[in-house]
Amino acid sequence: MAKVHRIIEQIGRQGALQLDIDRRVIDIASGYMSSEELGIGFLYSGWAQAALPHRRLKSSAAWQVKSDHVTLLVEPGRRPGKDAEPEYVGVPYGSKARLIMLYLQTEALKTNSREIEIGKSLRSWLNRMGIPIGGKAVADVRDQAERIARCRLSFHIKTADSTGFLNQNIIDSGMITEYDDATGKPTSFLDAVKLSENFFQQLKRHPVPIEEAAIRHLNGHSQALDIYCWLAYRLHVLKKPTPVTWAALKLQFGPGVARMDHFRTGFLDNLGLALAVYPAAKVDVDRTGATLFPSPPPVKPKTLS
């Protein structure tokens, strides 16, 4: 994929568009290359190995996804119902849920605090990530924030001879402020939260640094975001080329896709988008799967320090 970046450097975006290359890859790569955003974000390494669903599930449905060593189980939380019965809010999903999670984790590490402001700070950060907050986007962000606040996680981590598990909430407590949105209807927004102690400590022990510029240019592509974070976690620690079969890739990135050929097509498209914002990544794909090669991390250690 570094070839695309070299082509853009040599003949420019308009010249590259005349070639037989996915336009989305060219647009994302050229936007990333011209970005002046030097911010750094963070996520817990568990999320780099097993991620949230891409689409809405039934409100009462749990979500499970596996990789080679990690299984993530996400159970939906509940809120008080209008009648006697509490109601499920559903598990978080899609790109906006991922962006909110990245914001929470990044702010927690940058401030070294479990207590995080949501309102204006989150809106400002999402705007920097290319998500203008207005109209339907307000409702979407509000919905995903509540899903994150109320859900419960279980990470199951497999080693050579045993499996450990960690049950936790992402958020221990929060404050909801009532306000009127652009429609003039009364609504509510999660204004401040406190991350759970377990989640905060795991994040501090196992953070994965990523580039905010990369996230900005992948903001509407949830699977490409997952692939980018996975590569950011894996590539720089490899000692030798490491094959990953199509079956293993589907288990991790496509548990909701029935047919392997459909998964393979979608994965290749999203891998191209992820590599467009990670020029140093070295990945080959063939009929057996993907081969990962030792590569520099997206955030250089000197930059991180």
Protein backbone atom coordinates (compact mmCIF):
# COMPACT_ATOMS: atom_id res chain seq x y z
CA MET A 1 0.00 0.00 0.00
CA ALA A 2 2.98 2.32 0.41
CA LYS A 3 2.99 2.23 -3.41
CA VAL A 4 -0.18 4.37 -3.39
CA HIS A 5 1.50 6.99 -1.23
CA ARG A 6 4.51 7.07 -3.56
CA ILE A 7 2.22 7.47 -6.59
CA ILE A 8 0.41 10.39 -4.93
CA GLU A 9 3.74 12.01 -4.08
CA GLN A 10 4.95 11.65 -7.67
CA ILE A 11 1.87 12.56 -9.74
CA GLY A 12 -0.56 14.00 -7.19
CA ARG A 13 -4.09 13.02 -6.27
CA GLN A 14 -5.61 13.93 -9.63
CA GLY A 15 -3.00 11.89 -11.46
CA ALA A 16 -3.54 8.91 -9.17
CA LEU A 17 -7.29 9.05 -9.83
CA GLN A 18 -6.61 8.26 -13.49
CA LEU A 19 -5.09 4.92 -12.53
CA ASP A 20 -6.83 1.63 -11.72
CA ILE A 21 -6.88 2.23 -7.95
CA ASP A 22 -9.89 2.40 -5.63
CA ARG A 23 -10.89 6.07 -5.46
CA ARG A 24 -11.65 5.78 -1.74
CA VAL A 25 -8.10 4.59 -1.06
CA ILE A 26 -6.66 7.51 -3.01
CA ASP A 27 -8.91 10.05 -1.28
CA ILE A 28 -8.14 8.69 2.20
CA ALA A 29 -4.41 8.35 1.52
CA SER A 30 -4.09 11.85 0.06
CA GLY A 31 -6.15 13.35 2.88
CA TYR A 32 -4.02 11.58 5.46
CA MET A 33 -0.78 12.68 3.78
CA SER A 34 -1.88 16.33 3.75
CA SER A 35 -3.19 16.31 7.31
CA GLU A 36 -1.53 18.62 9.80
CA GLU A 37 -3.23 16.89 12.76
CA LEU A 38 -0.45 15.45 14.94
CA GLY A 39 -2.60 14.29 17.84
CA ILE A 40 -2.22 10.88 19.42
CA GLY A 41 -5.05 8.69 20.66
CA PHE A 42 -5.08 5.54 22.78
CA LEU A 43 -7.11 2.40 23.18
CA TYR A 44 -6.93 -0.64 25.43
CA SER A 45 -5.14 -3.51 23.65
CA GLY A 46 -8.13 -5.80 24.17
CA TRP A 47 -10.16 -3.64 21.77
CA ALA A 48 -7.43 -4.03 19.13
CA GLN A 49 -7.99 -7.80 19.18
CA ALA A 50 -11.78 -8.01 19.54
CA ALA A 51 -14.11 -5.15 18.66
CA LEU A 52 -17.74 -4.06 18.83
CA PRO A 53 -20.36 -5.01 16.23
CA HIS A 54 -20.64 -2.90 13.07
CA ARG A 55 -24.44 -2.89 12.92
CA ARG A 56 -27.32 -2.59 15.36
CA LEU A 57 -28.32 -5.79 17.12
CA LYS A 58 -31.59 -6.62 18.81
CA SER A 59 -31.71 -4.51 21.99
CA SER A 60 -31.59 -7.56 24.27
CA ALA A 61 -28.90 -9.40 22.27
CA ALA A 62 -25.34 -9.88 23.55
CA TRP A 63 -22.30 -9.68 21.27
CA GLN A 64 -19.41 -12.13 21.11
CA VAL A 65 -16.30 -11.97 18.92
CA LYS A 66 -13.08 -14.02 18.98
CA SER A 67 -9.49 -13.66 17.88
CA ASP A 68 -6.60 -16.11 18.34
CA HIS A 69 -6.14 -15.26 22.01
CA VAL A 70 -9.05 -13.05 23.08
CA THR A 71 -12.81 -13.49 23.23
CA LEU A 72 -14.93 -10.43 23.92
CA LEU A 73 -18.47 -10.73 25.28
CA VAL A 74 -20.53 -7.53 25.48
CA GLU A 75 -23.87 -7.68 27.30
CA PRO A 76 -26.41 -4.88 26.86
CA GLY A 77 -27.32 -2.77 29.87
CA ARG A 78 -30.78 -1.67 30.99
CA ARG A 79 -32.44 1.56 32.03
CA PRO A 80 -35.59 2.12 34.04
CA GLY A 81 -38.62 1.58 31.82
CA LYS A 82 -41.67 3.74 31.51
CA ASP A 83 -43.71 0.91 32.97
CA ALA A 84 -42.75 -1.58 35.67
CA GLU A 85 -40.17 -3.44 33.57
CA PRO A 86 -36.65 -2.14 32.86
CA GLU A 87 -35.73 -1.93 29.17
CA TYR A 88 -32.58 -2.94 27.30
CA VAL A 89 -30.63 -0.19 25.55
CA GLY A 90 -28.61 -2.53 23.31
CA VAL A 91 -24.85 -2.97 22.89
CA PRO A 92 -22.84 -0.14 21.26
CA TYR A 93 -22.08 -0.53 17.57
CA GLY A 94 -20.66 1.20 14.50
CA SER A 95 -18.07 3.90 13.92
CA LYS A 96 -19.52 6.49 16.33
CA ALA A 97 -19.34 4.02 19.23
CA ARG A 98 -15.69 3.40 18.38
CA LEU A 99 -14.94 7.13 18.22
CA ILE A 100 -16.59 7.73 21.60
CA MET A 101 -14.60 4.85 23.10
CA LEU A 102 -11.37 6.26 21.66
CA TYR A 103 -12.19 9.65 23.15
CA LEU A 104 -12.86 8.19 26.61
CA GLN A 105 -9.65 6.16 26.62
CA THR A 106 -7.50 8.97 25.20
CA GLU A 107 -8.79 11.53 27.70
CA ALA A 108 -8.33 9.14 30.61
CA LEU A 109 -4.67 8.55 29.77
CA LYS A 110 -3.88 12.16 28.91
CA THR A 111 -5.37 13.44 32.15
CA ASN A 112 -4.50 10.33 34.22
CA SER A 113 -8.03 10.49 35.57
CA ARG A 114 -11.06 8.22 35.51
CA GLU A 115 -13.37 11.25 35.47
CA ILE A 116 -14.08 12.54 31.96
CA GLU A 117 -16.21 15.37 30.63
CA ILE A 118 -18.49 14.28 27.82
CA GLY A 119 -20.51 17.29 26.62
CA LYS A 120 -18.55 20.05 24.89
CA SER A 121 -15.20 18.24 25.00
CA LEU A 122 -16.58 15.16 23.26
CA ARG A 123 -18.33 17.28 20.64
CA SER A 124 -15.13 19.20 19.96
CA TRP A 125 -13.13 15.98 19.60
CA LEU A 126 -15.71 14.37 17.32
CA ASN A 127 -15.69 17.52 15.19
CA ARG A 128 -11.89 17.20 14.88
CA MET A 129 -12.46 13.60 13.83
CA GLY A 130 -14.72 14.79 11.00
CA ILE A 131 -18.09 14.19 12.73
CA PRO A 132 -20.03 17.49 12.88
CA ILE A 133 -22.53 17.23 15.72
CA GLY A 134 -25.91 18.40 14.53
CA GLY A 135 -29.25 16.96 13.51
CA LYS A 136 -29.30 13.16 13.43
CA ALA A 137 -25.66 12.95 14.54
CA VAL A 138 -26.65 14.32 17.98
CA ALA A 139 -29.17 11.51 18.47
CA ASP A 140 -26.68 8.90 17.22
CA VAL A 141 -23.93 10.07 19.58
CA ARG A 142 -26.35 10.28 22.50
CA ASP A 143 -27.60 6.75 21.80
CA GLN A 144 -24.11 5.24 21.53
CA ALA A 145 -22.89 7.06 24.64
CA GLU A 146 -25.74 5.57 26.68
CA ARG A 147 -25.11 2.10 25.27
CA ILE A 148 -21.43 2.36 26.27
CA ALA A 149 -22.30 3.67 29.71
CA ARG A 150 -24.69 0.83 30.52
CA CYS A 151 -23.10 -2.24 28.86
CA ARG A 152 -20.96 -4.86 30.59
CA LEU A 153 -17.81 -6.47 29.18
CA SER A 154 -16.12 -9.80 29.64
CA PHE A 155 -12.65 -10.36 28.14
CA HIS A 156 -11.52 -14.01 28.04
CA ILE A 157 -7.77 -14.25 27.39
CA LYS A 158 -6.28 -17.58 26.35
CA THR A 159 -2.68 -18.55 27.07
CA ALA A 160 -0.80 -21.78 26.32
CA ASP A 161 -2.39 -23.82 29.11
CA SER A 162 -5.16 -21.71 30.64
CA THR A 163 -7.85 -19.08 30.04
CA GLY A 164 -8.28 -16.04 32.23
CA PHE A 165 -11.28 -13.74 32.24
CA LEU A 166 -11.98 -10.17 33.27
CA ASN A 167 -15.52 -8.94 33.91
CA GLN A 168 -16.02 -5.19 34.05
CA ASN A 169 -18.12 -2.20 33.22
CA ILE A 170 -16.57 0.50 31.07
CA ILE A 171 -18.21 3.22 33.16
CA ASP A 172 -18.92 3.19 36.90
CA SER A 173 -21.09 6.31 37.08
CA GLY A 174 -22.29 9.24 35.02
CA MET A 175 -24.28 12.46 35.03
CA ILE A 176 -27.12 13.14 32.59
CA THR A 177 -28.04 16.76 31.88
CA GLU A 178 -31.44 17.65 30.44
CA TYR A 179 -31.50 20.12 27.53
CA ASP A 180 -33.39 21.00 24.37
CA ASP A 181 -31.80 20.00 21.05
CA ALA A 182 -32.24 21.63 17.66
CA THR A 183 -35.77 20.22 17.31
CA GLY A 184 -36.92 21.93 20.47
CA LYS A 185 -37.88 18.61 22.05
CA PRO A 186 -36.70 17.80 25.56
CA THR A 187 -33.97 15.17 25.58
CA SER A 188 -30.90 14.21 27.60
CA PHE A 189 -27.17 13.84 27.10
CA LEU A 190 -24.56 12.00 29.13
CA ASP A 191 -22.54 14.95 30.41
CA ALA A 192 -19.78 13.40 32.54
CA VAL A 193 -18.62 9.87 33.34
CA LYS A 194 -16.25 8.01 35.61
CA LEU A 195 -14.49 5.00 34.10
CA SER A 196 -14.46 1.83 36.15
CA GLU A 197 -11.27 1.25 38.13
CA ASN A 198 -10.62 -2.13 36.47
CA PHE A 199 -11.01 -0.77 32.95
CA PHE A 200 -8.83 2.28 33.74
CA GLN A 201 -6.04 0.14 35.18
CA GLN A 202 -6.12 -2.27 32.22
CA LEU A 203 -5.96 0.70 29.85
CA LYS A 204 -2.94 2.15 31.66
CA ARG A 205 -1.13 -1.20 31.62
CA HIS A 206 -1.90 -2.07 27.99
CA PRO A 207 -2.39 1.07 25.84
CA VAL A 208 -2.08 1.07 22.04
CA PRO A 209 -1.10 4.50 20.61
CA ILE A 210 -2.71 5.51 17.32
CA GLU A 211 -2.74 8.59 15.12
CA GLU A 212 -5.75 10.91 15.33
CA ALA A 213 -5.22 11.80 11.66
CA ALA A 214 -5.71 8.15 10.75
CA ILE A 215 -8.89 7.91 12.81
CA ARG A 216 -10.26 11.08 11.24
CA HIS A 217 -9.93 9.73 7.72
CA LEU A 218 -11.48 6.35 8.63
CA ASN A 219 -14.32 7.80 10.69
CA GLY A 220 -17.14 6.31 8.58
CA HIS A 221 -15.60 2.86 8.14
CA SER A 222 -15.91 0.83 11.33
CA GLN A 223 -14.22 -2.33 10.02
CA ALA A 224 -11.32 -0.32 8.57
CA LEU A 225 -10.94 1.31 12.02
CA ASP A 226 -10.78 -2.16 13.59
CA ILE A 227 -8.18 -3.37 11.10
CA TYR A 228 -6.04 -0.26 11.58
CA CYS A 229 -6.10 -0.65 15.38
CA TRP A 230 -5.29 -4.37 15.06
CA LEU A 231 -2.30 -3.67 12.83
CA ALA A 232 -1.13 -0.88 15.15
CA TYR A 233 -1.19 -3.40 18.01
CA ARG A 234 0.40 -6.37 16.22
CA LEU A 235 2.90 -5.35 13.56
CA HIS A 236 5.56 -3.56 15.60
CA VAL A 237 6.03 -6.45 18.05
CA LEU A 238 6.45 -9.18 15.42
CA LYS A 239 9.86 -10.82 15.07
CA LYS A 240 9.15 -12.62 11.80
CA PRO A 241 6.48 -12.84 9.08
CA THR A 242 3.27 -14.18 10.65
CA PRO A 243 0.47 -15.80 8.60
CA VAL A 244 -3.18 -15.40 9.60
CA THR A 245 -5.68 -17.67 7.85
CA TRP A 246 -8.91 -16.46 6.27
CA ALA A 247 -10.81 -18.56 8.82
CA ALA A 248 -9.09 -16.72 11.70
CA LEU A 249 -9.65 -13.33 10.05
CA LYS A 250 -13.34 -14.09 9.58
CA LEU A 251 -13.69 -15.22 13.18
CA GLN A 252 -12.26 -11.89 14.37
CA PHE A 253 -13.57 -9.39 11.81
CA GLY A 254 -16.62 -11.02 10.26
CA PRO A 255 -18.60 -13.11 12.74
CA GLY A 256 -21.86 -11.76 11.32
CA VAL A 257 -21.00 -12.57 7.67
CA ALA A 258 -22.33 -15.95 6.54
CA ARG A 259 -20.27 -16.56 3.41
CA MET A 260 -16.48 -16.55 3.27
CA ASP A 261 -16.35 -15.00 -0.21
CA HIS A 262 -18.49 -12.07 0.95
CA PHE A 263 -16.28 -11.60 4.00
CA ARG A 264 -13.09 -11.80 1.95
CA THR A 265 -14.28 -9.08 -0.46
CA GLY A 266 -15.29 -6.73 2.35
CA PHE A 267 -12.14 -7.38 4.35
CA LEU A 268 -9.85 -6.65 1.39
CA ASP A 269 -11.68 -3.36 0.73
CA ASN A 270 -11.35 -2.28 4.36
CA LEU A 271 -7.75 -3.47 4.61
CA GLY A 272 -6.96 -1.14 1.69
CA LEU A 273 -8.56 1.78 3.57
CA ALA A 274 -6.66 0.94 6.77
CA LEU A 275 -3.34 0.74 4.94
CA ALA A 276 -4.06 4.10 3.32
CA VAL A 277 -3.50 5.71 6.75
CA TYR A 278 -0.67 3.37 7.83
CA PRO A 279 1.99 3.66 5.09
CA ALA A 280 4.64 1.78 7.08
CA ALA A 281 2.46 -1.32 7.52
CA LYS A 282 3.62 -4.39 5.60
CA VAL A 283 0.84 -6.87 4.85
CA ASP A 284 0.51 -9.39 2.01
CA VAL A 285 -2.71 -11.19 1.12
CA ASP A 286 -3.16 -14.39 -0.88
CA ARG A 287 -5.63 -17.26 -1.19
CA THR A 288 -4.68 -18.67 2.25
CA GLY A 289 -5.07 -15.44 4.22
CA ALA A 290 -2.88 -12.50 5.23
CA THR A 291 0.79 -12.43 6.16
CA LEU A 292 1.85 -9.77 8.66
CA PHE A 293 5.43 -8.51 8.54
CA PRO A 294 7.40 -6.69 11.26
CA SER A 295 6.67 -2.99 10.70
CA PRO A 296 7.22 0.32 12.51
CA PRO A 297 4.31 1.40 14.74
CA PRO A 298 2.05 4.19 13.42
CA VAL A 299 3.17 6.41 16.31
CA LYS A 300 6.93 6.57 16.68
CA PRO A 301 8.21 6.04 20.25
CA LYS A 302 10.00 9.42 20.13
CA THR A 303 6.73 11.15 19.19
CA LEU A 304 4.88 9.28 21.93
CA SER A 305 7.38 10.32 24.60
